[in-house]
């Protein structure tokens, strides 16, 4: 069962939305590396799910980890062929609870 999410604190599992842009709008090197070497994620970084735009230029990926450094290691494994934007995310339910006192 996942641990509660919140501020990035050691041991708290955080969700991340990663927006990947395939360099030169070319998905072939990305899919070739994935086919040949796998996800290249270090232990402790868990892939949740992903979606790719119809033009095959961007991937939108959800990952989770209790250690942001693991996400950075994974990004390093792909940064020669992918540009990354990373967002810490929470569920819609968590967002509603967080904003409720201000309503």
PDB file of N, CA and C in Angstrom:
ATOM      1  N   UNK A   1       0.849  -1.186   0.000  1.00  0.00           N
ATOM      2  CA  UNK A   1       0.000   0.000   0.000  1.00  0.00           C
ATOM      3  C   UNK A   1       0.890   1.244   0.000  1.00  0.00           C
ATOM      4  N   UNK A   2       0.613   2.214  -0.875  1.00  0.00           N
ATOM      5  CA  UNK A   2       1.457   3.412  -0.930  1.00  0.00           C
ATOM      6  C   UNK A   2       1.404   4.203   0.366  1.00  0.00           C
ATOM      7  N   UNK A   3       2.509   4.847   0.662  1.00  0.00           N
ATOM      8  CA  UNK A   3       2.560   5.724   1.825  1.00  0.00           C
ATOM      9  C   UNK A   3       1.845   7.028   1.495  1.00  0.00           C
ATOM     10  N   UNK A   4       1.437   7.777   2.527  1.00  0.00           N
ATOM     11  CA  UNK A   4       0.787   9.064   2.255  1.00  0.00           C
ATOM     12  C   UNK A   4       1.714   9.990   1.482  1.00  0.00           C
ATOM     13  N   UNK A   5       1.119  10.792   0.617  1.00  0.00           N
ATOM     14  CA  UNK A   5       1.903  11.752  -0.158  1.00  0.00           C
ATOM     15  C   UNK A   5       1.762  13.122   0.477  1.00  0.00           C
ATOM     16  N   UNK A   6       2.740  13.955   0.271  1.00  0.00           N
ATOM     17  CA  UNK A   6       2.712  15.310   0.799  1.00  0.00           C
ATOM     18  C   UNK A   6       3.984  16.013   0.393  1.00  0.00           C
ATOM     19  N   UNK A   7       4.500  16.829   1.271  1.00  0.00           N
ATOM     20  CA  UNK A   7       5.755  17.507   0.979  1.00  0.00           C
ATOM     21  C   UNK A   7       6.864  16.470   0.854  1.00  0.00           C
ATOM     22  N   UNK A   8       7.854  16.727  -0.035  1.00  0.00           N
ATOM     23  CA  UNK A   8       8.908  15.741  -0.206  1.00  0.00           C
ATOM     24  C   UNK A   8       9.745  15.597   1.058  1.00  0.00           C
ATOM     25  N   UNK A   9       9.487  14.552   1.791  1.00  0.00           N
ATOM     26  CA  UNK A   9      10.192  14.255   3.028  1.00  0.00           C
ATOM     27  C   UNK A   9      10.761  12.855   2.865  1.00  0.00           C
ATOM     28  N   UNK A  10      11.955  12.635   3.375  1.00  0.00           N
ATOM     29  CA  UNK A  10      12.585  11.332   3.246  1.00  0.00           C
ATOM     30  C   UNK A  10      11.620  10.246   3.700  1.00  0.00           C
ATOM     31  N   UNK A  11      11.424   9.250   2.863  1.00  0.00           N
ATOM     32  CA  UNK A  11      10.551   8.141   3.204  1.00  0.00           C
ATOM     33  C   UNK A  11       9.114   8.305   2.751  1.00  0.00           C
ATOM     34  N   UNK A  12       8.718   9.498   2.326  1.00  0.00           N
ATOM     35  CA  UNK A  12       7.367   9.727   1.822  1.00  0.00           C
ATOM     36  C   UNK A  12       7.390   9.522   0.311  1.00  0.00           C
ATOM     37  N   UNK A  13       6.508   8.684  -0.170  1.00  0.00           N
ATOM     38  CA  UNK A  13       6.463   8.425  -1.604  1.00  0.00           C
ATOM     39  C   UNK A  13       5.772   9.580  -2.310  1.00  0.00           C
ATOM     40  N   UNK A  14       6.438  10.122  -3.310  1.00  0.00           N
ATOM     41  CA  UNK A  14       5.905  11.225  -4.105  1.00  0.00           C
ATOM     42  C   UNK A  14       5.603  10.725  -5.510  1.00  0.00           C
ATOM     43  N   UNK A  15       4.547  11.296  -6.088  1.00  0.00           N
ATOM     44  CA  UNK A  15       4.216  11.045  -7.488  1.00  0.00           C
ATOM     45  C   UNK A  15       4.793  12.163  -8.340  1.00  0.00           C
ATOM     46  N   UNK A  16       5.267  11.805  -9.512  1.00  0.00           N
ATOM     47  CA  UNK A  16       5.820  12.781 -10.442  1.00  0.00           C
ATOM     48  C   UNK A  16       5.193  12.583 -11.815  1.00  0.00           C
ATOM     49  N   UNK A  17       4.817  13.700 -12.437  1.00  0.00           N
ATOM     50  CA  UNK A  17       4.420  13.702 -13.843  1.00  0.00           C
ATOM     51  C   UNK A  17       5.642  14.162 -14.613  1.00  0.00           C
ATOM     52  N   UNK A  18       6.104  13.319 -15.497  1.00  0.00           N
ATOM     53  CA  UNK A  18       7.258  13.650 -16.320  1.00  0.00           C
ATOM     54  C   UNK A  18       6.757  13.886 -17.740  1.00  0.00           C
ATOM     55  N   UNK A  19       7.065  15.051 -18.271  1.00  0.00           N
ATOM     56  CA  UNK A  19       6.735  15.352 -19.658  1.00  0.00           C
ATOM     57  C   UNK A  19       8.035  15.252 -20.438  1.00  0.00           C
ATOM     58  N   UNK A  20       8.071  14.295 -21.330  1.00  0.00           N
ATOM     59  CA  UNK A  20       9.257  14.053 -22.136  1.00  0.00           C
ATOM     60  C   UNK A  20       9.039  14.608 -23.540  1.00  0.00           C
ATOM     61  N   UNK A  21      10.051  15.267 -24.055  1.00  0.00           N
ATOM     62  CA  UNK A  21      10.036  15.679 -25.463  1.00  0.00           C
ATOM     63  C   UNK A  21      11.189  14.960 -26.142  1.00  0.00           C
ATOM     64  N   UNK A  22      10.867  14.133 -27.122  1.00  0.00           N
ATOM     65  CA  UNK A  22      11.896  13.389 -27.835  1.00  0.00           C
ATOM     66  C   UNK A  22      12.709  14.370 -28.671  1.00  0.00           C
ATOM     67  N   UNK A  23      14.021  14.381 -28.457  1.00  0.00           N
ATOM     68  CA  UNK A  23      14.888  15.328 -29.175  1.00  0.00           C
ATOM     69  C   UNK A  23      14.694  15.189 -30.686  1.00  0.00           C
ATOM     70  N   UNK A  24      14.654  16.341 -31.340  1.00  0.00           N
ATOM     71  CA  UNK A  24      14.447  16.413 -32.794  1.00  0.00           C
ATOM     72  C   UNK A  24      13.122  15.780 -33.221  1.00  0.00           C
ATOM     73  N   UNK A  25      12.182  15.693 -32.275  1.00  0.00           N
ATOM     74  CA  UNK A  25      10.878  15.067 -32.543  1.00  0.00           C
ATOM     75  C   UNK A  25      11.031  13.656 -33.106  1.00  0.00           C
ATOM     76  N   UNK A  26      12.081  12.975 -32.667  1.00  0.00           N
ATOM     77  CA  UNK A  26      12.406  11.653 -33.213  1.00  0.00           C
ATOM     78  C   UNK A  26      12.248  10.574 -32.136  1.00  0.00           C
ATOM     79  N   UNK A  27      11.208   9.760 -32.216  1.00  0.00           N
ATOM     80  CA  UNK A  27      10.994   8.724 -31.211  1.00  0.00           C
ATOM     81  C   UNK A  27      11.859   7.474 -31.413  1.00  0.00           C
ATOM     82  N   UNK A  28      12.458   7.324 -32.579  1.00  0.00           N
ATOM     83  CA  UNK A  28      13.169   6.078 -32.885  1.00  0.00           C
ATOM     84  C   UNK A  28      14.305   5.789 -31.904  1.00  0.00           C
ATOM     85  N   UNK A  29      15.202   6.744 -31.590  1.00  0.00           N
ATOM     86  CA  UNK A  29      16.256   6.426 -30.620  1.00  0.00           C
ATOM     87  C   UNK A  29      15.701   6.045 -29.243  1.00  0.00           C
ATOM     88  N   UNK A  30      14.593   6.661 -28.855  1.00  0.00           N
ATOM     89  CA  UNK A  30      13.994   6.377 -27.545  1.00  0.00           C
ATOM     90  C   UNK A  30      13.452   4.950 -27.516  1.00  0.00           C
ATOM     91  N   UNK A  31      12.668   4.607 -28.495  1.00  0.00           N
ATOM     92  CA  UNK A  31      12.078   3.268 -28.526  1.00  0.00           C
ATOM     93  C   UNK A  31      13.129   2.188 -28.767  1.00  0.00           C
ATOM     94  N   UNK A  32      14.170   2.513 -29.511  1.00  0.00           N
ATOM     95  CA  UNK A  32      15.253   1.549 -29.728  1.00  0.00           C
ATOM     96  C   UNK A  32      15.980   1.263 -28.407  1.00  0.00           C
ATOM     97  N   UNK A  33      16.299   2.328 -27.659  1.00  0.00           N
ATOM     98  CA  UNK A  33      16.982   2.131 -26.373  1.00  0.00           C
ATOM     99  C   UNK A  33      16.088   1.356 -25.409  1.00  0.00           C
ATOM    100  N   UNK A  34      14.803   1.713 -25.374  1.00  0.00           N
ATOM    101  CA  UNK A  34      13.880   1.004 -24.486  1.00  0.00           C
ATOM    102  C   UNK A  34      13.818  -0.484 -24.865  1.00  0.00           C
ATOM    103  N   UNK A  35      13.740  -0.775 -26.148  1.00  0.00           N
ATOM    104  CA  UNK A  35      13.712  -2.170 -26.608  1.00  0.00           C
ATOM    105  C   UNK A  35      14.989  -2.905 -26.204  1.00  0.00           C
ATOM    106  N   UNK A  36      16.135  -2.241 -26.370  1.00  0.00           N
ATOM    107  CA  UNK A  36      17.422  -2.895 -26.146  1.00  0.00           C
ATOM    108  C   UNK A  36      17.829  -2.956 -24.678  1.00  0.00           C
ATOM    109  N   UNK A  37      17.442  -1.938 -23.877  1.00  0.00           N
ATOM    110  CA  UNK A  37      17.976  -1.838 -22.515  1.00  0.00           C
ATOM    111  C   UNK A  37      16.915  -1.729 -21.431  1.00  0.00           C
ATOM    112  N   UNK A  38      15.653  -1.602 -21.824  1.00  0.00           N
ATOM    113  CA  UNK A  38      14.591  -1.488 -20.825  1.00  0.00           C
ATOM    114  C   UNK A  38      14.436  -0.053 -20.340  1.00  0.00           C
ATOM    115  N   UNK A  39      13.715   0.102 -19.247  1.00  0.00           N
ATOM    116  CA  UNK A  39      13.371   1.423 -18.732  1.00  0.00           C
ATOM    117  C   UNK A  39      14.570   2.147 -18.109  1.00  0.00           C
ATOM    118  N   UNK A  40      15.575   1.416 -17.667  1.00  0.00           N
ATOM    119  CA  UNK A  40      16.786   1.981 -17.048  1.00  0.00           C
ATOM    120  C   UNK A  40      16.481   2.729 -15.756  1.00  0.00           C
ATOM    121  N   UNK A  41      15.452   2.304 -15.053  1.00  0.00           N
ATOM    122  CA  UNK A  41      15.086   2.937 -13.778  1.00  0.00           C
ATOM    123  C   UNK A  41      15.826   2.247 -12.634  1.00  0.00           C
ATOM    124  N   UNK A  42      16.432   3.028 -11.745  1.00  0.00           N
ATOM    125  CA  UNK A  42      17.097   2.420 -10.590  1.00  0.00           C
ATOM    126  C   UNK A  42      16.071   1.816  -9.629  1.00  0.00           C
ATOM    127  N   UNK A  43      16.512   0.845  -8.833  1.00  0.00           N
ATOM    128  CA  UNK A  43      15.643   0.276  -7.804  1.00  0.00           C
ATOM    129  C   UNK A  43      15.135   1.390  -6.903  1.00  0.00           C
ATOM    130  N   UNK A  44      13.847   1.348  -6.601  1.00  0.00           N
ATOM    131  CA  UNK A  44      13.247   2.378  -5.759  1.00  0.00           C
ATOM    132  C   UNK A  44      12.481   3.426  -6.544  1.00  0.00           C
ATOM    133  N   UNK A  45      12.613   3.414  -7.863  1.00  0.00           N
ATOM    134  CA  UNK A  45      11.835   4.302  -8.735  1.00  0.00           C
ATOM    135  C   UNK A  45      10.838   3.428  -9.478  1.00  0.00           C
ATOM    136  N   UNK A  46       9.563   3.700  -9.271  1.00  0.00           N
ATOM    137  CA  UNK A  46       8.528   2.848  -9.851  1.00  0.00           C
ATOM    138  C   UNK A  46       7.777   3.563 -10.969  1.00  0.00           C
ATOM    139  N   UNK A  47       7.712   2.899 -12.105  1.00  0.00           N
ATOM    140  CA  UNK A  47       6.904   3.345 -13.236  1.00  0.00           C
ATOM    141  C   UNK A  47       5.449   3.026 -12.922  1.00  0.00           C
ATOM    142  N   UNK A  48       4.548   4.010 -13.141  1.00  0.00           N
ATOM    143  CA  UNK A  48       3.120   3.800 -12.921  1.00  0.00           C
ATOM    144  C   UNK A  48       2.396   3.619 -14.254  1.00  0.00           C
ATOM    145  N   UNK A  49       2.507   4.588 -15.137  1.00  0.00           N
ATOM    146  CA  UNK A  49       1.841   4.521 -16.435  1.00  0.00           C
ATOM    147  C   UNK A  49       2.375   5.629 -17.330  1.00  0.00           C
ATOM    148  N   UNK A  50       2.063   5.530 -18.637  1.00  0.00           N
ATOM    149  CA  UNK A  50       2.484   6.588 -19.556  1.00  0.00           C
ATOM    150  C   UNK A  50       1.567   6.641 -20.769  1.00  0.00           C
ATOM    151  N   UNK A  51       1.609   7.785 -21.432  1.00  0.00           N
ATOM    152  CA  UNK A  51       0.836   8.056 -22.635  1.00  0.00           C
ATOM    153  C   UNK A  51       1.738   8.819 -23.594  1.00  0.00           C
ATOM    154  N   UNK A  52       1.537   8.614 -24.884  1.00  0.00           N
ATOM    155  CA  UNK A  52       2.341   9.285 -25.903  1.00  0.00           C
ATOM    156  C   UNK A  52       1.394  10.023 -26.842  1.00  0.00           C
ATOM    157  N   UNK A  53       1.778  11.242 -27.232  1.00  0.00           N
ATOM    158  CA  UNK A  53       0.923  11.985 -28.164  1.00  0.00           C
ATOM    159  C   UNK A  53       0.925  11.305 -29.536  1.00  0.00           C
ATOM    160  N   UNK A  54      -0.091  11.608 -30.314  1.00  0.00           N
ATOM    161  CA  UNK A  54      -0.284  10.952 -31.613  1.00  0.00           C
ATOM    162  C   UNK A  54       0.847  11.214 -32.601  1.00  0.00           C
ATOM    163  N   UNK A  55       1.552  12.333 -32.441  1.00  0.00           N
ATOM    164  CA  UNK A  55       2.671  12.640 -33.341  1.00  0.00           C
ATOM    165  C   UNK A  55       3.952  11.912 -32.944  1.00  0.00           C
ATOM    166  N   UNK A  56       3.914  11.220 -31.798  1.00  0.00           N
ATOM    167  CA  UNK A  56       5.085  10.505 -31.270  1.00  0.00           C
ATOM    168  C   UNK A  56       6.247  11.454 -30.987  1.00  0.00           C
ATOM    169  N   UNK A  57       5.920  12.623 -30.430  1.00  0.00           N
ATOM    170  CA  UNK A  57       6.940  13.611 -30.072  1.00  0.00           C
ATOM    171  C   UNK A  57       7.085  13.778 -28.562  1.00  0.00           C
ATOM    172  N   UNK A  58       6.034  13.449 -27.811  1.00  0.00           N
ATOM    173  CA  UNK A  58       6.027  13.643 -26.359  1.00  0.00           C
ATOM    174  C   UNK A  58       5.493  12.401 -25.656  1.00  0.00           C
ATOM    175  N   UNK A  59       6.045  12.151 -24.481  1.00  0.00           N
ATOM    176  CA  UNK A  59       5.540  11.100 -23.605  1.00  0.00           C
ATOM    177  C   UNK A  59       5.187  11.748 -22.270  1.00  0.00           C
ATOM    178  N   UNK A  60       4.065  11.351 -21.707  1.00  0.00           N
ATOM    179  CA  UNK A  60       3.589  11.855 -20.418  1.00  0.00           C
ATOM    180  C   UNK A  60       3.587  10.657 -19.476  1.00  0.00           C
ATOM    181  N   UNK A  61       4.448  10.705 -18.478  1.00  0.00           N
ATOM    182  CA  UNK A  61       4.720   9.527 -17.671  1.00  0.00           C
ATOM    183  C   UNK A  61       4.519   9.827 -16.190  1.00  0.00           C
ATOM    184  N   UNK A  62       3.947   8.861 -15.478  1.00  0.00           N
ATOM    185  CA  UNK A  62       3.796   8.963 -14.025  1.00  0.00           C
ATOM    186  C   UNK A  62       4.786   7.993 -13.391  1.00  0.00           C
ATOM    187  N   UNK A  63       5.582   8.515 -12.462  1.00  0.00           N
ATOM    188  CA  UNK A  63       6.542   7.705 -11.713  1.00  0.00           C
ATOM    189  C   UNK A  63       6.356   8.030 -10.234  1.00  0.00           C
ATOM    190  N   UNK A  64       6.813   7.122  -9.368  1.00  0.00           N
ATOM    191  CA  UNK A  64       6.783   7.416  -7.937  1.00  0.00           C
ATOM    192  C   UNK A  64       8.054   6.920  -7.274  1.00  0.00           C
ATOM    193  N   UNK A  65       8.447   7.660  -6.243  1.00  0.00           N
ATOM    194  CA  UNK A  65       9.638   7.310  -5.475  1.00  0.00           C
ATOM    195  C   UNK A  65       9.643   8.092  -4.164  1.00  0.00           C
ATOM    196  N   UNK A  66      10.348   7.563  -3.192  1.00  0.00           N
ATOM    197  CA  UNK A  66      10.570   8.275  -1.940  1.00  0.00           C
ATOM    198  C   UNK A  66      11.878   9.059  -1.981  1.00  0.00           C
ATOM    199  N   UNK A  67      12.632   8.929  -3.071  1.00  0.00           N
ATOM    200  CA  UNK A  67      13.943   9.578  -3.181  1.00  0.00           C
ATOM    201  C   UNK A  67      14.071  10.246  -4.553  1.00  0.00           C
ATOM    202  N   UNK A  68      13.949  11.558  -4.581  1.00  0.00           N
ATOM    203  CA  UNK A  68      14.007  12.314  -5.844  1.00  0.00           C
ATOM    204  C   UNK A  68      15.311  12.052  -6.596  1.00  0.00           C
ATOM    205  N   UNK A  69      16.378  11.744  -5.882  1.00  0.00           N
ATOM    206  CA  UNK A  69      17.660  11.480  -6.542  1.00  0.00           C
ATOM    207  C   UNK A  69      17.562  10.303  -7.513  1.00  0.00           C
ATOM    208  N   UNK A  70      16.696   9.340  -7.213  1.00  0.00           N
ATOM    209  CA  UNK A  70      16.519   8.200  -8.119  1.00  0.00           C
ATOM    210  C   UNK A  70      15.888   8.639  -9.432  1.00  0.00           C
ATOM    211  N   UNK A  71      14.955   9.571  -9.351  1.00  0.00           N
ATOM    212  CA  UNK A  71      14.350  10.115 -10.569  1.00  0.00           C
ATOM    213  C   UNK A  71      15.407  10.843 -11.398  1.00  0.00           C
ATOM    214  N   UNK A  72      16.256  11.608 -10.722  1.00  0.00           N
ATOM    215  CA  UNK A  72      17.328  12.320 -11.421  1.00  0.00           C
ATOM    216  C   UNK A  72      18.307  11.350 -12.093  1.00  0.00           C
ATOM    217  N   UNK A  73      18.602  10.227 -11.434  1.00  0.00           N
ATOM    218  CA  UNK A  73      19.473   9.215 -12.049  1.00  0.00           C
ATOM    219  C   UNK A  73      18.834   8.659 -13.315  1.00  0.00           C
ATOM    220  N   UNK A  74      17.534   8.378 -13.247  1.00  0.00           N
ATOM    221  CA  UNK A  74      16.822   7.854 -14.410  1.00  0.00           C
ATOM    222  C   UNK A  74      16.853   8.859 -15.561  1.00  0.00           C
ATOM    223  N   UNK A  75      16.621  10.139 -15.240  1.00  0.00           N
ATOM    224  CA  UNK A  75      16.653  11.188 -16.262  1.00  0.00           C
ATOM    225  C   UNK A  75      18.022  11.235 -16.935  1.00  0.00           C
ATOM    226  N   UNK A  76      19.079  11.096 -16.154  1.00  0.00           N
ATOM    227  CA  UNK A  76      20.434  11.094 -16.706  1.00  0.00           C
ATOM    228  C   UNK A  76      20.611   9.984 -17.744  1.00  0.00           C
ATOM    229  N   UNK A  77      19.966   8.843 -17.516  1.00  0.00           N
ATOM    230  CA  UNK A  77      20.076   7.720 -18.455  1.00  0.00           C
ATOM    231  C   UNK A  77      19.444   8.001 -19.817  1.00  0.00           C
ATOM    232  N   UNK A  78      18.600   9.020 -19.891  1.00  0.00           N
ATOM    233  CA  UNK A  78      17.862   9.310 -21.116  1.00  0.00           C
ATOM    234  C   UNK A  78      18.097  10.722 -21.659  1.00  0.00           C
ATOM    235  N   UNK A  79      18.790  11.560 -20.934  1.00  0.00           N
ATOM    236  CA  UNK A  79      18.849  12.988 -21.277  1.00  0.00           C
ATOM    237  C   UNK A  79      19.572  13.292 -22.592  1.00  0.00           C
ATOM    238  N   UNK A  80      20.302  12.341 -23.135  1.00  0.00           N
ATOM    239  CA  UNK A  80      20.942  12.581 -24.431  1.00  0.00           C
ATOM    240  C   UNK A  80      19.947  12.514 -25.590  1.00  0.00           C
ATOM    241  N   UNK A  81      18.787  11.873 -25.380  1.00  0.00           N
ATOM    242  CA  UNK A  81      17.802  11.743 -26.459  1.00  0.00           C
ATOM    243  C   UNK A  81      16.410  12.252 -26.074  1.00  0.00           C
ATOM    244  N   UNK A  82      16.253  12.696 -24.823  1.00  0.00           N
ATOM    245  CA  UNK A  82      14.958  13.189 -24.341  1.00  0.00           C
ATOM    246  C   UNK A  82      15.179  14.438 -23.500  1.00  0.00           C
ATOM    247  N   UNK A  83      14.308  15.438 -23.677  1.00  0.00           N
ATOM    248  CA  UNK A  83      14.277  16.609 -22.798  1.00  0.00           C
ATOM    249  C   UNK A  83      13.140  16.397 -21.803  1.00  0.00           C
ATOM    250  N   UNK A  84      13.360  16.787 -20.543  1.00  0.00           N
ATOM    251  CA  UNK A  84      12.406  16.485 -19.479  1.00  0.00           C
ATOM    252  C   UNK A  84      11.887  17.735 -18.787  1.00  0.00           C
ATOM    253  N   UNK A  85      10.610  17.690 -18.425  1.00  0.00           N
ATOM    254  CA  UNK A  85      10.010  18.603 -17.459  1.00  0.00           C
ATOM    255  C   UNK A  85       9.389  17.713 -16.396  1.00  0.00           C
ATOM    256  N   UNK A  86       9.650  18.030 -15.124  1.00  0.00           N
ATOM    257  CA  UNK A  86       9.186  17.190 -14.024  1.00  0.00           C
ATOM    258  C   UNK A  86       8.299  18.016 -13.101  1.00  0.00           C
ATOM    259  N   UNK A  87       7.155  17.441 -12.746  1.00  0.00           N
ATOM    260  CA  UNK A  87       6.202  18.092 -11.853  1.00  0.00           C
ATOM    261  C   UNK A  87       5.862  17.138 -10.713  1.00  0.00           C
ATOM    262  N   UNK A  88       5.967  17.621  -9.467  1.00  0.00           N
ATOM    263  CA  UNK A  88       5.437  16.855  -8.341  1.00  0.00           C
ATOM    264  C   UNK A  88       3.925  16.982  -8.410  1.00  0.00           C
ATOM    265  N   UNK A  89       3.219  15.863  -8.294  1.00  0.00           N
ATOM    266  CA  UNK A  89       1.768  15.909  -8.412  1.00  0.00           C
ATOM    267  C   UNK A  89       1.099  15.240  -7.215  1.00  0.00           C
ATOM    268  N   UNK A  90      -0.153  15.624  -6.997  1.00  0.00           N
ATOM    269  CA  UNK A  90      -1.003  15.006  -5.989  1.00  0.00           C
ATOM    270  C   UNK A  90      -2.324  14.659  -6.672  1.00  0.00           C
ATOM    271  N   UNK A  91      -3.101  13.812  -6.041  1.00  0.00           N
ATOM    272  CA  UNK A  91      -4.390  13.435  -6.620  1.00  0.00           C
ATOM    273  C   UNK A  91      -5.360  14.612  -6.547  1.00  0.00           C
ATOM    274  N   UNK A  92      -6.419  14.549  -7.333  1.00  0.00           N
ATOM    275  CA  UNK A  92      -7.453  15.586  -7.282  1.00  0.00           C
ATOM    276  C   UNK A  92      -8.081  15.643  -5.896  1.00  0.00           C
ATOM    277  N   UNK A  93      -8.262  14.488  -5.272  1.00  0.00           N
ATOM    278  CA  UNK A  93      -8.813  14.438  -3.910  1.00  0.00           C
ATOM    279  C   UNK A  93      -7.892  15.171  -2.935  1.00  0.00           C
ATOM    280  N   UNK A  94      -6.599  14.906  -3.031  1.00  0.00           N
ATOM    281  CA  UNK A  94      -5.637  15.587  -2.158  1.00  0.00           C
ATOM    282  C   UNK A  94      -5.632  17.088  -2.416  1.00  0.00           C
ATOM    283  N   UNK A  95      -5.756  17.490  -3.676  1.00  0.00           N
ATOM    284  CA  UNK A  95      -5.801  18.917  -4.004  1.00  0.00           C
ATOM    285  C   UNK A  95      -7.035  19.567  -3.392  1.00  0.00           C
ATOM    286  N   UNK A  96      -8.182  18.894  -3.476  1.00  0.00           N
ATOM    287  CA  UNK A  96      -9.420  19.434  -2.899  1.00  0.00           C
ATOM    288  C   UNK A  96      -9.294  19.590  -1.390  1.00  0.00           C
ATOM    289  N   UNK A  97      -8.683  18.609  -0.724  1.00  0.00           N
ATOM    290  CA  UNK A  97      -8.477  18.690   0.724  1.00  0.00           C
ATOM    291  C   UNK A  97      -7.518  19.824   1.075  1.00  0.00           C
ATOM    292  N   UNK A  98      -6.510  20.011   0.267  1.00  0.00           N
ATOM    293  CA  UNK A  98      -5.507  21.051   0.521  1.00  0.00           C
ATOM    294  C   UNK A  98      -6.100  22.452   0.370  1.00  0.00           C
ATOM    295  N   UNK A  99      -6.985  22.631  -0.596  1.00  0.00           N
ATOM    296  CA  UNK A  99      -7.546  23.955  -0.868  1.00  0.00           C
ATOM    297  C   UNK A  99      -8.787  24.248  -0.023  1.00  0.00           C
ATOM    298  N   UNK A 100      -9.428  23.219   0.521  1.00  0.00           N
ATOM    299  CA  UNK A 100     -10.700  23.387   1.243  1.00  0.00           C
ATOM    300  C   UNK A 100     -10.663  24.476   2.316  1.00  0.00           C
ATOM    301  N   UNK A 101      -9.619  24.574   3.144  1.00  0.00           N
ATOM    302  CA  UNK A 101      -9.615  25.619   4.178  1.00  0.00           C
ATOM    303  C   UNK A 101      -9.610  27.041   3.611  1.00  0.00           C
ATOM    304  N   UNK A 102      -9.224  27.201   2.356  1.00  0.00           N
ATOM    305  CA  UNK A 102      -9.147  28.533   1.754  1.00  0.00           C
ATOM    306  C   UNK A 102     -10.421  28.914   1.011  1.00  0.00           C
ATOM    307  N   UNK A 103     -11.384  28.007   0.942  1.00  0.00           N
ATOM    308  CA  UNK A 103     -12.625  28.278   0.202  1.00  0.00           C
ATOM    309  C   UNK A 103     -13.619  29.071   1.042  1.00  0.00           C
TER     310      UNK A 103
END
